[in-house]
Amino acid sequence: MTWHWRYENANGGIVTEGVTPSDTFPSQADAESWLGESWRELLESGVEKVTLLDGDRVEYEKMSLRSE
């Protein structure tokens, strides 16, 4: 399968404006590495939470981009 991110705002709505659609990645590690490099830009674009998907399967969801 291919790994990709889904972006959400603070209200749980899907964010599509102001962000480039998520790239697809060959592995979970590649997707997580990309997020580690890109999370600040996503926050600036209105993304508050992300969900990691493997195809249609949710690996983990609604992970906040803000530190607790």
PDB file of N, CA and C in Angstrom:
ATOM      1  N   MET A   1       0.840  -1.187   0.000  1.00  0.00           N
ATOM      2  CA  MET A   1       0.000   0.000   0.000  1.00  0.00           C
ATOM      3  C   MET A   1       0.883   1.247   0.000  1.00  0.00           C
ATOM      4  N   THR A   2       0.227   2.384  -0.085  1.00  0.00           N
ATOM      5  CA  THR A   2       0.950   3.650  -0.009  1.00  0.00           C
ATOM      6  C   THR A   2       0.505   4.404   1.235  1.00  0.00           C
ATOM      7  N   TRP A   3       1.441   5.027   1.844  1.00  0.00           N
ATOM      8  CA  TRP A   3       1.202   5.797   3.062  1.00  0.00           C
ATOM      9  C   TRP A   3       0.962   7.251   2.685  1.00  0.00           C
ATOM     10  N   HIS A   4       0.030   7.902   3.385  1.00  0.00           N
ATOM     11  CA  HIS A   4      -0.230   9.324   3.150  1.00  0.00           C
ATOM     12  C   HIS A   4      -0.879   9.938   4.384  1.00  0.00           C
ATOM     13  N   TRP A   5      -0.855  11.265   4.413  1.00  0.00           N
ATOM     14  CA  TRP A   5      -1.395  12.021   5.544  1.00  0.00           C
ATOM     15  C   TRP A   5      -2.720  12.665   5.169  1.00  0.00           C
ATOM     16  N   ARG A   6      -3.628  12.745   6.131  1.00  0.00           N
ATOM     17  CA  ARG A   6      -4.861  13.529   6.005  1.00  0.00           C
ATOM     18  C   ARG A   6      -4.728  14.665   7.012  1.00  0.00           C
ATOM     19  N   TYR A   7      -5.045  15.886   6.559  1.00  0.00           N
ATOM     20  CA  TYR A   7      -4.873  17.083   7.379  1.00  0.00           C
ATOM     21  C   TYR A   7      -6.210  17.552   7.916  1.00  0.00           C
ATOM     22  N   GLU A   8      -6.240  17.970   9.191  1.00  0.00           N
ATOM     23  CA  GLU A   8      -7.468  18.449   9.817  1.00  0.00           C
ATOM     24  C   GLU A   8      -7.221  19.768  10.537  1.00  0.00           C
ATOM     25  N   ASN A   9      -8.272  20.598  10.574  1.00  0.00           N
ATOM     26  CA  ASN A   9      -8.200  21.848  11.339  1.00  0.00           C
ATOM     27  C   ASN A   9      -8.620  21.575  12.782  1.00  0.00           C
ATOM     28  N   ALA A  10      -8.690  22.618  13.597  1.00  0.00           N
ATOM     29  CA  ALA A  10      -9.004  22.465  15.019  1.00  0.00           C
ATOM     30  C   ALA A  10     -10.403  21.898  15.253  1.00  0.00           C
ATOM     31  N   ASN A  11     -11.303  22.097  14.295  1.00  0.00           N
ATOM     32  CA  ASN A  11     -12.680  21.594  14.429  1.00  0.00           C
ATOM     33  C   ASN A  11     -12.849  20.198  13.850  1.00  0.00           C
ATOM     34  N   GLY A  12     -11.788  19.611  13.340  1.00  0.00           N
ATOM     35  CA  GLY A  12     -11.866  18.272  12.772  1.00  0.00           C
ATOM     36  C   GLY A  12     -12.192  18.243  11.294  1.00  0.00           C
ATOM     37  N   GLY A  13     -12.331  19.428  10.681  1.00  0.00           N
ATOM     38  CA  GLY A  13     -12.600  19.489   9.249  1.00  0.00           C
ATOM     39  C   GLY A  13     -11.339  19.211   8.448  1.00  0.00           C
ATOM     40  N   ILE A  14     -11.532  18.631   7.289  1.00  0.00           N
ATOM     41  CA  ILE A  14     -10.401  18.330   6.407  1.00  0.00           C
ATOM     42  C   ILE A  14      -9.869  19.628   5.808  1.00  0.00           C
ATOM     43  N   VAL A  15      -8.557  19.821   5.874  1.00  0.00           N
ATOM     44  CA  VAL A  15      -7.910  21.010   5.316  1.00  0.00           C
ATOM     45  C   VAL A  15      -7.380  20.651   3.929  1.00  0.00           C
ATOM     46  N   THR A  16      -7.823  21.422   2.928  1.00  0.00           N
ATOM     47  CA  THR A  16      -7.308  21.238   1.574  1.00  0.00           C
ATOM     48  C   THR A  16      -6.752  22.542   1.020  1.00  0.00           C
ATOM     49  N   GLU A  17      -7.292  23.670   1.465  1.00  0.00           N
ATOM     50  CA  GLU A  17      -6.817  24.964   0.974  1.00  0.00           C
ATOM     51  C   GLU A  17      -5.551  25.380   1.704  1.00  0.00           C
ATOM     52  N   GLY A  18      -4.593  25.886   0.950  1.00  0.00           N
ATOM     53  CA  GLY A  18      -3.362  26.386   1.540  1.00  0.00           C
ATOM     54  C   GLY A  18      -2.318  25.323   1.814  1.00  0.00           C
ATOM     55  N   VAL A  19      -2.660  24.060   1.533  1.00  0.00           N
ATOM     56  CA  VAL A  19      -1.680  22.979   1.709  1.00  0.00           C
ATOM     57  C   VAL A  19      -1.590  22.188   0.420  1.00  0.00           C
ATOM     58  N   THR A  20      -0.423  21.674   0.167  1.00  0.00           N
ATOM     59  CA  THR A  20      -0.251  20.781  -0.968  1.00  0.00           C
ATOM     60  C   THR A  20      -0.824  19.430  -0.570  1.00  0.00           C
ATOM     61  N   PRO A  21      -1.604  18.819  -1.443  1.00  0.00           N
ATOM     62  CA  PRO A  21      -2.107  17.485  -1.076  1.00  0.00           C
ATOM     63  C   PRO A  21      -0.962  16.579  -0.658  1.00  0.00           C
ATOM     64  N   SER A  22      -1.242  15.755   0.301  1.00  0.00           N
ATOM     65  CA  SER A  22      -0.208  14.886   0.854  1.00  0.00           C
ATOM     66  C   SER A  22       0.425  14.021  -0.223  1.00  0.00           C
ATOM     67  N   ASP A  23       1.744  13.985  -0.190  1.00  0.00           N
ATOM     68  CA  ASP A  23       2.465  13.053  -1.034  1.00  0.00           C
ATOM     69  C   ASP A  23       2.175  11.640  -0.546  1.00  0.00           C
ATOM     70  N   THR A  24       2.452  10.685  -1.392  1.00  0.00           N
ATOM     71  CA  THR A  24       2.386   9.297  -0.950  1.00  0.00           C
ATOM     72  C   THR A  24       3.810   8.832  -0.695  1.00  0.00           C
ATOM     73  N   PHE A  25       3.936   7.899   0.224  1.00  0.00           N
ATOM     74  CA  PHE A  25       5.244   7.446   0.667  1.00  0.00           C
ATOM     75  C   PHE A  25       5.293   5.924   0.620  1.00  0.00           C
ATOM     76  N   PRO A  26       6.448   5.344   0.315  1.00  0.00           N
ATOM     77  CA  PRO A  26       6.547   3.892   0.214  1.00  0.00           C
ATOM     78  C   PRO A  26       6.531   3.178   1.572  1.00  0.00           C
ATOM     79  N   SER A  27       6.780   3.927   2.646  1.00  0.00           N
ATOM     80  CA  SER A  27       6.817   3.291   3.969  1.00  0.00           C
ATOM     81  C   SER A  27       6.324   4.262   5.042  1.00  0.00           C
ATOM     82  N   GLN A  28       5.960   3.701   6.168  1.00  0.00           N
ATOM     83  CA  GLN A  28       5.545   4.515   7.307  1.00  0.00           C
ATOM     84  C   GLN A  28       6.690   5.408   7.764  1.00  0.00           C
ATOM     85  N   ALA A  29       7.895   4.881   7.777  1.00  0.00           N
ATOM     86  CA  ALA A  29       9.057   5.666   8.211  1.00  0.00           C
ATOM     87  C   ALA A  29       9.277   6.877   7.308  1.00  0.00           C
ATOM     88  N   ASP A  30       9.093   6.713   6.002  1.00  0.00           N
ATOM     89  CA  ASP A  30       9.256   7.836   5.081  1.00  0.00           C
ATOM     90  C   ASP A  30       8.195   8.903   5.336  1.00  0.00           C
ATOM     91  N   ALA A  31       6.959   8.475   5.564  1.00  0.00           N
ATOM     92  CA  ALA A  31       5.877   9.422   5.838  1.00  0.00           C
ATOM     93  C   ALA A  31       6.141  10.184   7.133  1.00  0.00           C
ATOM     94  N   GLU A  32       6.577   9.490   8.155  1.00  0.00           N
ATOM     95  CA  GLU A  32       6.848  10.131   9.439  1.00  0.00           C
ATOM     96  C   GLU A  32       8.044  11.072   9.349  1.00  0.00           C
ATOM     97  N   SER A  33       9.045  10.704   8.602  1.00  0.00           N
ATOM     98  CA  SER A  33      10.207  11.567   8.415  1.00  0.00           C
ATOM     99  C   SER A  33       9.803  12.865   7.717  1.00  0.00           C
ATOM    100  N   TRP A  34       8.978  12.755   6.681  1.00  0.00           N
ATOM    101  CA  TRP A  34       8.495  13.933   5.962  1.00  0.00           C
ATOM    102  C   TRP A  34       7.715  14.849   6.907  1.00  0.00           C
ATOM    103  N   LEU A  35       6.865  14.275   7.743  1.00  0.00           N
ATOM    104  CA  LEU A  35       6.087  15.088   8.678  1.00  0.00           C
ATOM    105  C   LEU A  35       7.007  15.806   9.653  1.00  0.00           C
ATOM    106  N   GLY A  36       8.054  15.135  10.088  1.00  0.00           N
ATOM    107  CA  GLY A  36       9.016  15.755  10.992  1.00  0.00           C
ATOM    108  C   GLY A  36       9.679  16.984  10.394  1.00  0.00           C
ATOM    109  N   GLU A  37       9.798  16.999   9.077  1.00  0.00           N
ATOM    110  CA  GLU A  37      10.394  18.140   8.390  1.00  0.00           C
ATOM    111  C   GLU A  37       9.369  19.208   8.004  1.00  0.00           C
ATOM    112  N   SER A  38       8.086  18.859   7.966  1.00  0.00           N
ATOM    113  CA  SER A  38       7.065  19.736   7.374  1.00  0.00           C
ATOM    114  C   SER A  38       6.005  20.235   8.340  1.00  0.00           C
ATOM    115  N   TRP A  39       6.011  19.803   9.586  1.00  0.00           N
ATOM    116  CA  TRP A  39       4.899  20.113  10.481  1.00  0.00           C
ATOM    117  C   TRP A  39       4.726  21.616  10.724  1.00  0.00           C
ATOM    118  N   ARG A  40       5.805  22.364  10.745  1.00  0.00           N
ATOM    119  CA  ARG A  40       5.682  23.812  11.003  1.00  0.00           C
ATOM    120  C   ARG A  40       4.927  24.502   9.864  1.00  0.00           C
ATOM    121  N   GLU A  41       5.239  24.137   8.634  1.00  0.00           N
ATOM    122  CA  GLU A  41       4.552  24.714   7.480  1.00  0.00           C
ATOM    123  C   GLU A  41       3.079  24.316   7.472  1.00  0.00           C
ATOM    124  N   LEU A  42       2.792  23.096   7.889  1.00  0.00           N
ATOM    125  CA  LEU A  42       1.400  22.657   7.959  1.00  0.00           C
ATOM    126  C   LEU A  42       0.634  23.482   8.992  1.00  0.00           C
ATOM    127  N   LEU A  43       1.241  23.701  10.164  1.00  0.00           N
ATOM    128  CA  LEU A  43       0.590  24.527  11.193  1.00  0.00           C
ATOM    129  C   LEU A  43       0.295  25.926  10.660  1.00  0.00           C
ATOM    130  N   GLU A  44       1.237  26.501   9.953  1.00  0.00           N
ATOM    131  CA  GLU A  44       1.044  27.840   9.388  1.00  0.00           C
ATOM    132  C   GLU A  44      -0.088  27.871   8.365  1.00  0.00           C
ATOM    133  N   SER A  45      -0.389  26.729   7.782  1.00  0.00           N
ATOM    134  CA  SER A  45      -1.455  26.631   6.777  1.00  0.00           C
ATOM    135  C   SER A  45      -2.799  26.272   7.386  1.00  0.00           C
ATOM    136  N   GLY A  46      -2.871  26.176   8.720  1.00  0.00           N
ATOM    137  CA  GLY A  46      -4.140  25.891   9.385  1.00  0.00           C
ATOM    138  C   GLY A  46      -4.361  24.447   9.764  1.00  0.00           C
ATOM    139  N   VAL A  47      -3.371  23.609   9.557  1.00  0.00           N
ATOM    140  CA  VAL A  47      -3.488  22.202   9.946  1.00  0.00           C
ATOM    141  C   VAL A  47      -3.146  22.085  11.423  1.00  0.00           C
ATOM    142  N   GLU A  48      -4.031  21.463  12.187  1.00  0.00           N
ATOM    143  CA  GLU A  48      -3.811  21.267  13.620  1.00  0.00           C
ATOM    144  C   GLU A  48      -3.531  19.805  13.962  1.00  0.00           C
ATOM    145  N   LYS A  49      -4.133  18.906  13.189  1.00  0.00           N
ATOM    146  CA  LYS A  49      -4.011  17.471  13.464  1.00  0.00           C
ATOM    147  C   LYS A  49      -3.795  16.731  12.155  1.00  0.00           C
ATOM    148  N   VAL A  50      -3.138  15.597  12.246  1.00  0.00           N
ATOM    149  CA  VAL A  50      -2.929  14.763  11.071  1.00  0.00           C
ATOM    150  C   VAL A  50      -3.309  13.323  11.383  1.00  0.00           C
ATOM    151  N   THR A  51      -3.685  12.625  10.342  1.00  0.00           N
ATOM    152  CA  THR A  51      -3.985  11.202  10.422  1.00  0.00           C
ATOM    153  C   THR A  51      -3.101  10.498   9.403  1.00  0.00           C
ATOM    154  N   LEU A  52      -2.453   9.424   9.812  1.00  0.00           N
ATOM    155  CA  LEU A  52      -1.626   8.647   8.911  1.00  0.00           C
ATOM    156  C   LEU A  52      -2.424   7.450   8.413  1.00  0.00           C
ATOM    157  N   LEU A  53      -2.465   7.316   7.089  1.00  0.00           N
ATOM    158  CA  LEU A  53      -3.202   6.215   6.473  1.00  0.00           C
ATOM    159  C   LEU A  53      -2.275   5.355   5.630  1.00  0.00           C
ATOM    160  N   ASP A  54      -2.543   4.073   5.633  1.00  0.00           N
ATOM    161  CA  ASP A  54      -1.891   3.117   4.747  1.00  0.00           C
ATOM    162  C   ASP A  54      -2.972   2.650   3.791  1.00  0.00           C
ATOM    163  N   GLY A  55      -3.023   3.270   2.616  1.00  0.00           N
ATOM    164  CA  GLY A  55      -4.169   3.040   1.732  1.00  0.00           C
ATOM    165  C   GLY A  55      -5.390   3.662   2.393  1.00  0.00           C
ATOM    166  N   ASP A  56      -6.396   2.849   2.688  1.00  0.00           N
ATOM    167  CA  ASP A  56      -7.594   3.325   3.382  1.00  0.00           C
ATOM    168  C   ASP A  56      -7.567   3.013   4.876  1.00  0.00           C
ATOM    169  N   ARG A  57      -6.572   2.262   5.313  1.00  0.00           N
ATOM    170  CA  ARG A  57      -6.485   1.854   6.715  1.00  0.00           C
ATOM    171  C   ARG A  57      -5.811   2.944   7.539  1.00  0.00           C
ATOM    172  N   VAL A  58      -6.439   3.287   8.660  1.00  0.00           N
ATOM    173  CA  VAL A  58      -5.879   4.299   9.564  1.00  0.00           C
ATOM    174  C   VAL A  58      -4.839   3.642  10.459  1.00  0.00           C
ATOM    175  N   GLU A  59      -3.615   4.173  10.411  1.00  0.00           N
ATOM    176  CA  GLU A  59      -2.546   3.689  11.286  1.00  0.00           C
ATOM    177  C   GLU A  59      -2.646   4.383  12.641  1.00  0.00           C
ATOM    178  N   TYR A  60      -2.730   5.693  12.640  1.00  0.00           N
ATOM    179  CA  TYR A  60      -3.074   6.452  13.837  1.00  0.00           C
ATOM    180  C   TYR A  60      -3.722   7.749  13.395  1.00  0.00           C
ATOM    181  N   GLU A  61      -4.587   8.271  14.270  1.00  0.00           N
ATOM    182  CA  GLU A  61      -5.370   9.415  13.832  1.00  0.00           C
ATOM    183  C   GLU A  61      -5.369  10.553  14.823  1.00  0.00           C
ATOM    184  N   LYS A  62      -5.635  11.723  14.253  1.00  0.00           N
ATOM    185  CA  LYS A  62      -5.802  12.966  14.999  1.00  0.00           C
ATOM    186  C   LYS A  62      -4.619  13.269  15.903  1.00  0.00           C
ATOM    187  N   MET A  63      -3.422  13.103  15.366  1.00  0.00           N
ATOM    188  CA  MET A  63      -2.214  13.449  16.102  1.00  0.00           C
ATOM    189  C   MET A  63      -2.014  14.969  16.001  1.00  0.00           C
ATOM    190  N   SER A  64      -1.939  15.618  17.130  1.00  0.00           N
ATOM    191  CA  SER A  64      -1.777  17.063  17.161  1.00  0.00           C
ATOM    192  C   SER A  64      -0.382  17.473  16.694  1.00  0.00           C
ATOM    193  N   LEU A  65      -0.329  18.581  15.958  1.00  0.00           N
ATOM    194  CA  LEU A  65       0.964  19.130  15.567  1.00  0.00           C
ATOM    195  C   LEU A  65       1.498  20.119  16.593  1.00  0.00           C
ATOM    196  N   ARG A  66       0.711  20.427  17.591  1.00  0.00           N
ATOM    197  CA  ARG A  66       1.129  21.347  18.661  1.00  0.00           C
ATOM    198  C   ARG A  66       1.686  20.552  19.832  1.00  0.00           C
ATOM    199  N   SER A  67       2.713  21.098  20.457  1.00  0.00           N
ATOM    200  CA  SER A  67       3.252  20.430  21.644  1.00  0.00           C
ATOM    201  C   SER A  67       2.255  20.570  22.789  1.00  0.00           C
ATOM    202  N   GLU A  68       2.202  19.567  23.592  1.00  0.00           N
ATOM    203  CA  GLU A  68       1.250  19.543  24.713  1.00  0.00           C
ATOM    204  C   GLU A  68       1.723  20.405  25.849  1.00  0.00           C
TER     205      GLU A  68
END
